[in-house]
């Protein structure tokens, strides 16, 4: 799995299917400022494209999936997750 990171957050990107030779693209667009604090309500947003369609975009913090969005626009607000404290989180 490739991971595109920004600030303290990551967006997961699965490899293409066996017959699909075009890799999907994904980019984290929010938060866009390094050092953004992980607080409830924080906007998480990404752009994603795949020539065969995008099934989902997973938002990850410190290797923990915090949200999955299955249709564009790929955005959600962070909800506090067990094991992830508010504040800065390390990149994995």
PDB file of N, CA and C in Angstrom:
ATOM      1  N   UNK A   1       0.843  -1.173   0.000  1.00  0.00           N
ATOM      2  CA  UNK A   1       0.000   0.000   0.000  1.00  0.00           C
ATOM      3  C   UNK A   1       0.885   1.232   0.000  1.00  0.00           C
ATOM      4  N   UNK A   2       0.601   2.155  -0.856  1.00  0.00           N
ATOM      5  CA  UNK A   2       1.278   3.451  -0.858  1.00  0.00           C
ATOM      6  C   UNK A   2       0.537   4.378   0.085  1.00  0.00           C
ATOM      7  N   UNK A   3       1.238   5.280   0.688  1.00  0.00           N
ATOM      8  CA  UNK A   3       0.593   6.241   1.574  1.00  0.00           C
ATOM      9  C   UNK A   3       1.085   7.634   1.243  1.00  0.00           C
ATOM     10  N   UNK A   4       0.155   8.534   1.020  1.00  0.00           N
ATOM     11  CA  UNK A   4       0.470   9.935   0.785  1.00  0.00           C
ATOM     12  C   UNK A   4       0.242  10.646   2.111  1.00  0.00           C
ATOM     13  N   UNK A   5       1.227  11.378   2.585  1.00  0.00           N
ATOM     14  CA  UNK A   5       1.093  12.007   3.889  1.00  0.00           C
ATOM     15  C   UNK A   5       1.125  13.518   3.783  1.00  0.00           C
ATOM     16  N   UNK A   6       0.527  14.147   4.746  1.00  0.00           N
ATOM     17  CA  UNK A   6       0.567  15.586   4.872  1.00  0.00           C
ATOM     18  C   UNK A   6       0.346  15.908   6.330  1.00  0.00           C
ATOM     19  N   UNK A   7       1.104  16.823   6.872  1.00  0.00           N
ATOM     20  CA  UNK A   7       0.994  17.134   8.278  1.00  0.00           C
ATOM     21  C   UNK A   7       1.198  15.844   9.077  1.00  0.00           C
ATOM     22  N   UNK A   8       0.281  15.516   9.967  1.00  0.00           N
ATOM     23  CA  UNK A   8       0.374  14.302  10.779  1.00  0.00           C
ATOM     24  C   UNK A   8      -0.645  13.267  10.347  1.00  0.00           C
ATOM     25  N   UNK A   9      -1.079  13.330   9.111  1.00  0.00           N
ATOM     26  CA  UNK A   9      -2.176  12.507   8.635  1.00  0.00           C
ATOM     27  C   UNK A   9      -1.757  11.743   7.389  1.00  0.00           C
ATOM     28  N   UNK A  10      -2.493  10.702   7.042  1.00  0.00           N
ATOM     29  CA  UNK A  10      -2.179   9.910   5.856  1.00  0.00           C
ATOM     30  C   UNK A  10      -3.461   9.483   5.171  1.00  0.00           C
ATOM     31  N   UNK A  11      -3.372   9.274   3.881  1.00  0.00           N
ATOM     32  CA  UNK A  11      -4.476   8.725   3.107  1.00  0.00           C
ATOM     33  C   UNK A  11      -3.966   7.454   2.460  1.00  0.00           C
ATOM     34  N   UNK A  12      -4.644   6.322   2.692  1.00  0.00           N
ATOM     35  CA  UNK A  12      -4.205   5.042   2.151  1.00  0.00           C
ATOM     36  C   UNK A  12      -4.620   4.869   0.701  1.00  0.00           C
ATOM     37  N   UNK A  13      -3.779   4.217  -0.088  1.00  0.00           N
ATOM     38  CA  UNK A  13      -4.082   3.960  -1.487  1.00  0.00           C
ATOM     39  C   UNK A  13      -3.754   2.497  -1.775  1.00  0.00           C
ATOM     40  N   UNK A  14      -4.759   1.715  -2.129  1.00  0.00           N
ATOM     41  CA  UNK A  14      -4.564   0.298  -2.427  1.00  0.00           C
ATOM     42  C   UNK A  14      -3.917   0.129  -3.792  1.00  0.00           C
ATOM     43  N   UNK A  15      -3.203  -0.973  -4.001  1.00  0.00           N
ATOM     44  CA  UNK A  15      -2.619  -1.229  -5.320  1.00  0.00           C
ATOM     45  C   UNK A  15      -3.720  -1.542  -6.328  1.00  0.00           C
ATOM     46  N   UNK A  16      -3.444  -1.349  -7.628  1.00  0.00           N
ATOM     47  CA  UNK A  16      -4.460  -1.637  -8.634  1.00  0.00           C
ATOM     48  C   UNK A  16      -4.767  -3.130  -8.708  1.00  0.00           C
ATOM     49  N   UNK A  17      -5.939  -3.455  -9.219  1.00  0.00           N
ATOM     50  CA  UNK A  17      -6.339  -4.846  -9.437  1.00  0.00           C
ATOM     51  C   UNK A  17      -5.384  -5.486 -10.450  1.00  0.00           C
ATOM     52  N   UNK A  18      -5.292  -6.833 -10.484  1.00  0.00           N
ATOM     53  CA  UNK A  18      -4.318  -7.503 -11.356  1.00  0.00           C
ATOM     54  C   UNK A  18      -4.365  -7.086 -12.831  1.00  0.00           C
ATOM     55  N   UNK A  19      -5.540  -6.845 -13.394  1.00  0.00           N
ATOM     56  CA  UNK A  19      -5.635  -6.482 -14.803  1.00  0.00           C
ATOM     57  C   UNK A  19      -5.622  -4.972 -15.031  1.00  0.00           C
ATOM     58  N   UNK A  20      -5.551  -4.220 -13.983  1.00  0.00           N
ATOM     59  CA  UNK A  20      -5.555  -2.758 -14.072  1.00  0.00           C
ATOM     60  C   UNK A  20      -4.108  -2.288 -14.007  1.00  0.00           C
ATOM     61  N   UNK A  21      -3.610  -1.709 -15.069  1.00  0.00           N
ATOM     62  CA  UNK A  21      -2.203  -1.300 -15.119  1.00  0.00           C
ATOM     63  C   UNK A  21      -1.990   0.165 -14.765  1.00  0.00           C
ATOM     64  N   UNK A  22      -3.076   0.898 -14.491  1.00  0.00           N
ATOM     65  CA  UNK A  22      -2.969   2.312 -14.137  1.00  0.00           C
ATOM     66  C   UNK A  22      -3.168   2.459 -12.629  1.00  0.00           C
ATOM     67  N   UNK A  23      -2.144   2.977 -11.960  1.00  0.00           N
ATOM     68  CA  UNK A  23      -2.237   3.162 -10.513  1.00  0.00           C
ATOM     69  C   UNK A  23      -3.208   4.284 -10.181  1.00  0.00           C
ATOM     70  N   UNK A  24      -3.969   4.128  -9.077  1.00  0.00           N
ATOM     71  CA  UNK A  24      -4.827   5.227  -8.639  1.00  0.00           C
ATOM     72  C   UNK A  24      -3.968   6.360  -8.083  1.00  0.00           C
ATOM     73  N   UNK A  25      -4.527   7.557  -8.039  1.00  0.00           N
ATOM     74  CA  UNK A  25      -3.842   8.691  -7.413  1.00  0.00           C
ATOM     75  C   UNK A  25      -4.692   9.179  -6.255  1.00  0.00           C
ATOM     76  N   UNK A  26      -4.034   9.635  -5.218  1.00  0.00           N
ATOM     77  CA  UNK A  26      -4.728  10.171  -4.053  1.00  0.00           C
ATOM     78  C   UNK A  26      -3.865  11.267  -3.452  1.00  0.00           C
ATOM     79  N   UNK A  27      -4.521  12.303  -2.951  1.00  0.00           N
ATOM     80  CA  UNK A  27      -3.796  13.420  -2.359  1.00  0.00           C
ATOM     81  C   UNK A  27      -4.587  13.971  -1.179  1.00  0.00           C
ATOM     82  N   UNK A  28      -3.926  14.143  -0.071  1.00  0.00           N
ATOM     83  CA  UNK A  28      -4.542  14.752   1.100  1.00  0.00           C
ATOM     84  C   UNK A  28      -4.581  16.261   0.887  1.00  0.00           C
ATOM     85  N   UNK A  29      -5.770  16.862   0.937  1.00  0.00           N
ATOM     86  CA  UNK A  29      -5.884  18.308   0.728  1.00  0.00           C
ATOM     87  C   UNK A  29      -6.185  19.064   2.012  1.00  0.00           C
ATOM     88  N   UNK A  30      -6.706  18.382   3.020  1.00  0.00           N
ATOM     89  CA  UNK A  30      -6.951  19.022   4.306  1.00  0.00           C
ATOM     90  C   UNK A  30      -6.851  17.974   5.401  1.00  0.00           C
ATOM     91  N   UNK A  31      -6.065  18.236   6.426  1.00  0.00           N
ATOM     92  CA  UNK A  31      -5.371  19.488   6.687  1.00  0.00           C
ATOM     93  C   UNK A  31      -4.152  19.630   5.784  1.00  0.00           C
ATOM     94  N   UNK A  32      -3.836  20.851   5.467  1.00  0.00           N
ATOM     95  CA  UNK A  32      -2.708  21.108   4.576  1.00  0.00           C
ATOM     96  C   UNK A  32      -1.538  21.777   5.288  1.00  0.00           C
ATOM     97  N   UNK A  33      -1.723  22.150   6.524  1.00  0.00           N
ATOM     98  CA  UNK A  33      -0.676  22.837   7.273  1.00  0.00           C
ATOM     99  C   UNK A  33       0.068  21.856   8.176  1.00  0.00           C
ATOM    100  N   UNK A  34       1.389  21.732   8.013  1.00  0.00           N
ATOM    101  CA  UNK A  34       2.154  20.850   8.903  1.00  0.00           C
ATOM    102  C   UNK A  34       1.951  21.248  10.363  1.00  0.00           C
ATOM    103  N   UNK A  35       1.852  20.252  11.219  1.00  0.00           N
ATOM    104  CA  UNK A  35       1.686  20.513  12.641  1.00  0.00           C
ATOM    105  C   UNK A  35       0.244  20.749  13.061  1.00  0.00           C
ATOM    106  N   UNK A  36      -0.720  20.460  12.181  1.00  0.00           N
ATOM    107  CA  UNK A  36      -2.127  20.614  12.533  1.00  0.00           C
ATOM    108  C   UNK A  36      -2.472  19.674  13.677  1.00  0.00           C
ATOM    109  N   UNK A  37      -3.196  20.173  14.662  1.00  0.00           N
ATOM    110  CA  UNK A  37      -3.586  19.352  15.808  1.00  0.00           C
ATOM    111  C   UNK A  37      -4.792  18.496  15.456  1.00  0.00           C
ATOM    112  N   UNK A  38      -4.787  17.279  15.969  1.00  0.00           N
ATOM    113  CA  UNK A  38      -5.897  16.351  15.791  1.00  0.00           C
ATOM    114  C   UNK A  38      -6.951  16.657  16.848  1.00  0.00           C
ATOM    115  N   UNK A  39      -7.998  17.342  16.433  1.00  0.00           N
ATOM    116  CA  UNK A  39      -9.079  17.702  17.340  1.00  0.00           C
ATOM    117  C   UNK A  39     -10.402  17.251  16.741  1.00  0.00           C
ATOM    118  N   UNK A  40     -11.358  16.855  17.572  1.00  0.00           N
ATOM    119  CA  UNK A  40     -12.675  16.496  17.048  1.00  0.00           C
ATOM    120  C   UNK A  40     -13.238  17.624  16.191  1.00  0.00           C
ATOM    121  N   UNK A  41     -13.824  17.244  15.058  1.00  0.00           N
ATOM    122  CA  UNK A  41     -14.387  18.220  14.139  1.00  0.00           C
ATOM    123  C   UNK A  41     -13.431  18.671  13.052  1.00  0.00           C
ATOM    124  N   UNK A  42     -12.134  18.321  13.163  1.00  0.00           N
ATOM    125  CA  UNK A  42     -11.147  18.713  12.156  1.00  0.00           C
ATOM    126  C   UNK A  42     -11.550  18.160  10.795  1.00  0.00           C
ATOM    127  N   UNK A  43     -11.542  18.996   9.758  1.00  0.00           N
ATOM    128  CA  UNK A  43     -11.883  18.567   8.408  1.00  0.00           C
ATOM    129  C   UNK A  43     -10.767  17.709   7.830  1.00  0.00           C
ATOM    130  N   UNK A  44     -11.124  16.510   7.371  1.00  0.00           N
ATOM    131  CA  UNK A  44     -10.218  15.627   6.647  1.00  0.00           C
ATOM    132  C   UNK A  44     -10.753  15.554   5.220  1.00  0.00           C
ATOM    133  N   UNK A  45      -9.906  15.862   4.235  1.00  0.00           N
ATOM    134  CA  UNK A  45     -10.360  15.888   2.852  1.00  0.00           C
ATOM    135  C   UNK A  45      -9.245  15.405   1.934  1.00  0.00           C
ATOM    136  N   UNK A  46      -9.636  14.689   0.880  1.00  0.00           N
ATOM    137  CA  UNK A  46      -8.668  14.180  -0.093  1.00  0.00           C
ATOM    138  C   UNK A  46      -9.290  14.188  -1.479  1.00  0.00           C
ATOM    139  N   UNK A  47      -8.414  14.166  -2.481  1.00  0.00           N
ATOM    140  CA  UNK A  47      -8.852  13.937  -3.853  1.00  0.00           C
ATOM    141  C   UNK A  47      -8.341  12.554  -4.242  1.00  0.00           C
ATOM    142  N   UNK A  48      -9.115  11.853  -5.053  1.00  0.00           N
ATOM    143  CA  UNK A  48      -8.708  10.519  -5.490  1.00  0.00           C
ATOM    144  C   UNK A  48      -9.254  10.261  -6.885  1.00  0.00           C
ATOM    145  N   UNK A  49      -8.476   9.516  -7.671  1.00  0.00           N
ATOM    146  CA  UNK A  49      -8.918   9.147  -9.017  1.00  0.00           C
ATOM    147  C   UNK A  49      -8.357   7.780  -9.373  1.00  0.00           C
ATOM    148  N   UNK A  50      -9.182   6.980 -10.025  1.00  0.00           N
ATOM    149  CA  UNK A  50      -8.740   5.727 -10.609  1.00  0.00           C
ATOM    150  C   UNK A  50      -9.526   5.520 -11.895  1.00  0.00           C
ATOM    151  N   UNK A  51      -8.858   5.089 -12.937  1.00  0.00           N
ATOM    152  CA  UNK A  51      -9.518   4.938 -14.229  1.00  0.00           C
ATOM    153  C   UNK A  51     -10.644   3.902 -14.210  1.00  0.00           C
ATOM    154  N   UNK A  52     -10.648   3.000 -13.240  1.00  0.00           N
ATOM    155  CA  UNK A  52     -11.721   2.007 -13.134  1.00  0.00           C
ATOM    156  C   UNK A  52     -12.698   2.344 -12.011  1.00  0.00           C
ATOM    157  N   UNK A  53     -12.540   3.507 -11.405  1.00  0.00           N
ATOM    158  CA  UNK A  53     -13.427   3.932 -10.321  1.00  0.00           C
ATOM    159  C   UNK A  53     -12.737   3.845  -8.973  1.00  0.00           C
ATOM    160  N   UNK A  54     -13.158   4.683  -8.066  1.00  0.00           N
ATOM    161  CA  UNK A  54     -12.598   4.712  -6.715  1.00  0.00           C
ATOM    162  C   UNK A  54     -13.637   4.149  -5.762  1.00  0.00           C
ATOM    163  N   UNK A  55     -13.319   3.043  -5.108  1.00  0.00           N
ATOM    164  CA  UNK A  55     -14.266   2.392  -4.202  1.00  0.00           C
ATOM    165  C   UNK A  55     -14.346   3.123  -2.869  1.00  0.00           C
ATOM    166  N   UNK A  56     -13.211   3.578  -2.356  1.00  0.00           N
ATOM    167  CA  UNK A  56     -13.211   4.260  -1.066  1.00  0.00           C
ATOM    168  C   UNK A  56     -11.900   4.991  -0.851  1.00  0.00           C
ATOM    169  N   UNK A  57     -11.936   5.945   0.061  1.00  0.00           N
ATOM    170  CA  UNK A  57     -10.748   6.641   0.537  1.00  0.00           C
ATOM    171  C   UNK A  57     -10.732   6.463   2.048  1.00  0.00           C
ATOM    172  N   UNK A  58      -9.602   5.956   2.556  1.00  0.00           N
ATOM    173  CA  UNK A  58      -9.450   5.762   4.004  1.00  0.00           C
ATOM    174  C   UNK A  58      -8.510   6.823   4.550  1.00  0.00           C
ATOM    175  N   UNK A  59      -8.931   7.477   5.603  1.00  0.00           N
ATOM    176  CA  UNK A  59      -8.097   8.454   6.297  1.00  0.00           C
ATOM    177  C   UNK A  59      -7.464   7.751   7.490  1.00  0.00           C
ATOM    178  N   UNK A  60      -6.150   7.892   7.631  1.00  0.00           N
ATOM    179  CA  UNK A  60      -5.414   7.219   8.686  1.00  0.00           C
ATOM    180  C   UNK A  60      -4.624   8.222   9.518  1.00  0.00           C
ATOM    181  N   UNK A  61      -4.568   7.961  10.811  1.00  0.00           N
ATOM    182  CA  UNK A  61      -3.736   8.732  11.732  1.00  0.00           C
ATOM    183  C   UNK A  61      -2.954   7.723  12.556  1.00  0.00           C
ATOM    184  N   UNK A  62      -1.638   7.842  12.564  1.00  0.00           N
ATOM    185  CA  UNK A  62      -0.778   6.935  13.324  1.00  0.00           C
ATOM    186  C   UNK A  62      -1.153   5.479  13.054  1.00  0.00           C
ATOM    187  N   UNK A  63      -1.337   5.131  11.767  1.00  0.00           N
ATOM    188  CA  UNK A  63      -1.654   3.780  11.306  1.00  0.00           C
ATOM    189  C   UNK A  63      -3.022   3.278  11.774  1.00  0.00           C
ATOM    190  N   UNK A  64      -3.878   4.175  12.207  1.00  0.00           N
ATOM    191  CA  UNK A  64      -5.245   3.829  12.611  1.00  0.00           C
ATOM    192  C   UNK A  64      -6.213   4.464  11.628  1.00  0.00           C
ATOM    193  N   UNK A  65      -7.088   3.657  11.032  1.00  0.00           N
ATOM    194  CA  UNK A  65      -8.103   4.199  10.129  1.00  0.00           C
ATOM    195  C   UNK A  65      -9.116   4.963  10.978  1.00  0.00           C
ATOM    196  N   UNK A  66      -9.264   6.248  10.674  1.00  0.00           N
ATOM    197  CA  UNK A  66     -10.188   7.085  11.454  1.00  0.00           C
ATOM    198  C   UNK A  66     -11.464   7.398  10.687  1.00  0.00           C
ATOM    199  N   UNK A  67     -11.458   7.166   9.365  1.00  0.00           N
ATOM    200  CA  UNK A  67     -12.661   7.396   8.571  1.00  0.00           C
ATOM    201  C   UNK A  67     -12.505   6.730   7.212  1.00  0.00           C
ATOM    202  N   UNK A  68     -13.622   6.274   6.664  1.00  0.00           N
ATOM    203  CA  UNK A  68     -13.671   5.728   5.314  1.00  0.00           C
ATOM    204  C   UNK A  68     -14.813   6.418   4.591  1.00  0.00           C
ATOM    205  N   UNK A  69     -14.511   6.981   3.421  1.00  0.00           N
ATOM    206  CA  UNK A  69     -15.521   7.684   2.626  1.00  0.00           C
ATOM    207  C   UNK A  69     -15.629   6.957   1.289  1.00  0.00           C
ATOM    208  N   UNK A  70     -16.862   6.623   0.878  1.00  0.00           N
ATOM    209  CA  UNK A  70     -17.048   5.792  -0.307  1.00  0.00           C
ATOM    210  C   UNK A  70     -17.511   6.540  -1.552  1.00  0.00           C
ATOM    211  N   UNK A  71     -17.709   7.850  -1.440  1.00  0.00           N
ATOM    212  CA  UNK A  71     -18.087   8.616  -2.637  1.00  0.00           C
ATOM    213  C   UNK A  71     -17.589  10.050  -2.497  1.00  0.00           C
ATOM    214  N   UNK A  72     -17.311  10.683  -3.658  1.00  0.00           N
ATOM    215  CA  UNK A  72     -16.851  12.068  -3.599  1.00  0.00           C
ATOM    216  C   UNK A  72     -17.980  12.989  -3.165  1.00  0.00           C
ATOM    217  N   UNK A  73     -17.690  14.105  -2.567  1.00  0.00           N
ATOM    218  CA  UNK A  73     -16.342  14.548  -2.208  1.00  0.00           C
ATOM    219  C   UNK A  73     -15.818  13.711  -1.046  1.00  0.00           C
ATOM    220  N   UNK A  74     -14.538  13.402  -1.092  1.00  0.00           N
ATOM    221  CA  UNK A  74     -13.927  12.575  -0.057  1.00  0.00           C
ATOM    222  C   UNK A  74     -13.541  13.464   1.117  1.00  0.00           C
ATOM    223  N   UNK A  75     -14.527  13.718   1.953  1.00  0.00           N
ATOM    224  CA  UNK A  75     -14.280  14.576   3.127  1.00  0.00           C
ATOM    225  C   UNK A  75     -15.147  14.111   4.278  1.00  0.00           C
ATOM    226  N   UNK A  76     -14.639  14.369   5.463  1.00  0.00           N
ATOM    227  CA  UNK A  76     -15.344  14.029   6.685  1.00  0.00           C
ATOM    228  C   UNK A  76     -14.749  14.871   7.802  1.00  0.00           C
ATOM    229  N   UNK A  77     -15.423  14.912   8.919  1.00  0.00           N
ATOM    230  CA  UNK A  77     -14.880  15.573  10.097  1.00  0.00           C
ATOM    231  C   UNK A  77     -14.396  14.503  11.067  1.00  0.00           C
ATOM    232  N   UNK A  78     -13.238  14.734  11.650  1.00  0.00           N
ATOM    233  CA  UNK A  78     -12.651  13.770  12.575  1.00  0.00           C
ATOM    234  C   UNK A  78     -13.525  13.605  13.809  1.00  0.00           C
ATOM    235  N   UNK A  79     -13.732  12.346  14.186  1.00  0.00           N
ATOM    236  CA  UNK A  79     -14.425  11.982  15.419  1.00  0.00           C
ATOM    237  C   UNK A  79     -13.392  11.279  16.289  1.00  0.00           C
ATOM    238  N   UNK A  80     -13.302  11.641  17.559  1.00  0.00           N
ATOM    239  CA  UNK A  80     -12.306  11.083  18.470  1.00  0.00           C
ATOM    240  C   UNK A  80     -12.348   9.562  18.447  1.00  0.00           C
ATOM    241  N   UNK A  81     -11.197   8.923  18.278  1.00  0.00           N
ATOM    242  CA  UNK A  81     -11.072   7.474  18.241  1.00  0.00           C
ATOM    243  C   UNK A  81     -10.325   6.979  19.469  1.00  0.00           C
ATOM    244  N   UNK A  82     -10.735   5.850  19.984  1.00  0.00           N
ATOM    245  CA  UNK A  82     -10.054   5.234  21.109  1.00  0.00           C
ATOM    246  C   UNK A  82      -8.598   4.983  20.755  1.00  0.00           C
ATOM    247  N   UNK A  83      -7.702   5.368  21.627  1.00  0.00           N
ATOM    248  CA  UNK A  83      -6.281   5.157  21.412  1.00  0.00           C
ATOM    249  C   UNK A  83      -5.573   6.301  20.706  1.00  0.00           C
ATOM    250  N   UNK A  84      -6.324   7.290  20.216  1.00  0.00           N
ATOM    251  CA  UNK A  84      -5.728   8.466  19.584  1.00  0.00           C
ATOM    252  C   UNK A  84      -6.120   9.691  20.391  1.00  0.00           C
ATOM    253  N   UNK A  85      -5.162  10.248  21.079  1.00  0.00           N
ATOM    254  CA  UNK A  85      -5.432  11.440  21.872  1.00  0.00           C
ATOM    255  C   UNK A  85      -5.512  12.663  20.977  1.00  0.00           C
ATOM    256  N   UNK A  86      -6.274  13.666  21.405  1.00  0.00           N
ATOM    257  CA  UNK A  86      -6.280  14.938  20.706  1.00  0.00           C
ATOM    258  C   UNK A  86      -4.861  15.512  20.766  1.00  0.00           C
ATOM    259  N   UNK A  87      -4.504  16.280  19.783  1.00  0.00           N
ATOM    260  CA  UNK A  87      -3.174  16.880  19.736  1.00  0.00           C
ATOM    261  C   UNK A  87      -2.369  16.296  18.598  1.00  0.00           C
ATOM    262  N   UNK A  88      -1.077  16.545  18.594  1.00  0.00           N
ATOM    263  CA  UNK A  88      -0.211  16.074  17.520  1.00  0.00           C
ATOM    264  C   UNK A  88      -0.074  14.562  17.572  1.00  0.00           C
ATOM    265  N   UNK A  89      -0.056  13.932  16.404  1.00  0.00           N
ATOM    266  CA  UNK A  89       0.089  12.493  16.300  1.00  0.00           C
ATOM    267  C   UNK A  89       1.282  12.192  15.401  1.00  0.00           C
ATOM    268  N   UNK A  90       2.029  11.128  15.707  1.00  0.00           N
ATOM    269  CA  UNK A  90       3.199  10.789  14.879  1.00  0.00           C
ATOM    270  C   UNK A  90       2.797  10.159  13.563  1.00  0.00           C
ATOM    271  N   UNK A  91       3.602  10.392  12.522  1.00  0.00           N
ATOM    272  CA  UNK A  91       3.421   9.701  11.243  1.00  0.00           C
ATOM    273  C   UNK A  91       4.040   8.317  11.365  1.00  0.00           C
ATOM    274  N   UNK A  92       3.443   7.365  10.708  1.00  0.00           N
ATOM    275  CA  UNK A  92       3.972   5.995  10.688  1.00  0.00           C
ATOM    276  C   UNK A  92       4.604   5.756   9.337  1.00  0.00           C
TER     277      UNK A  92
END
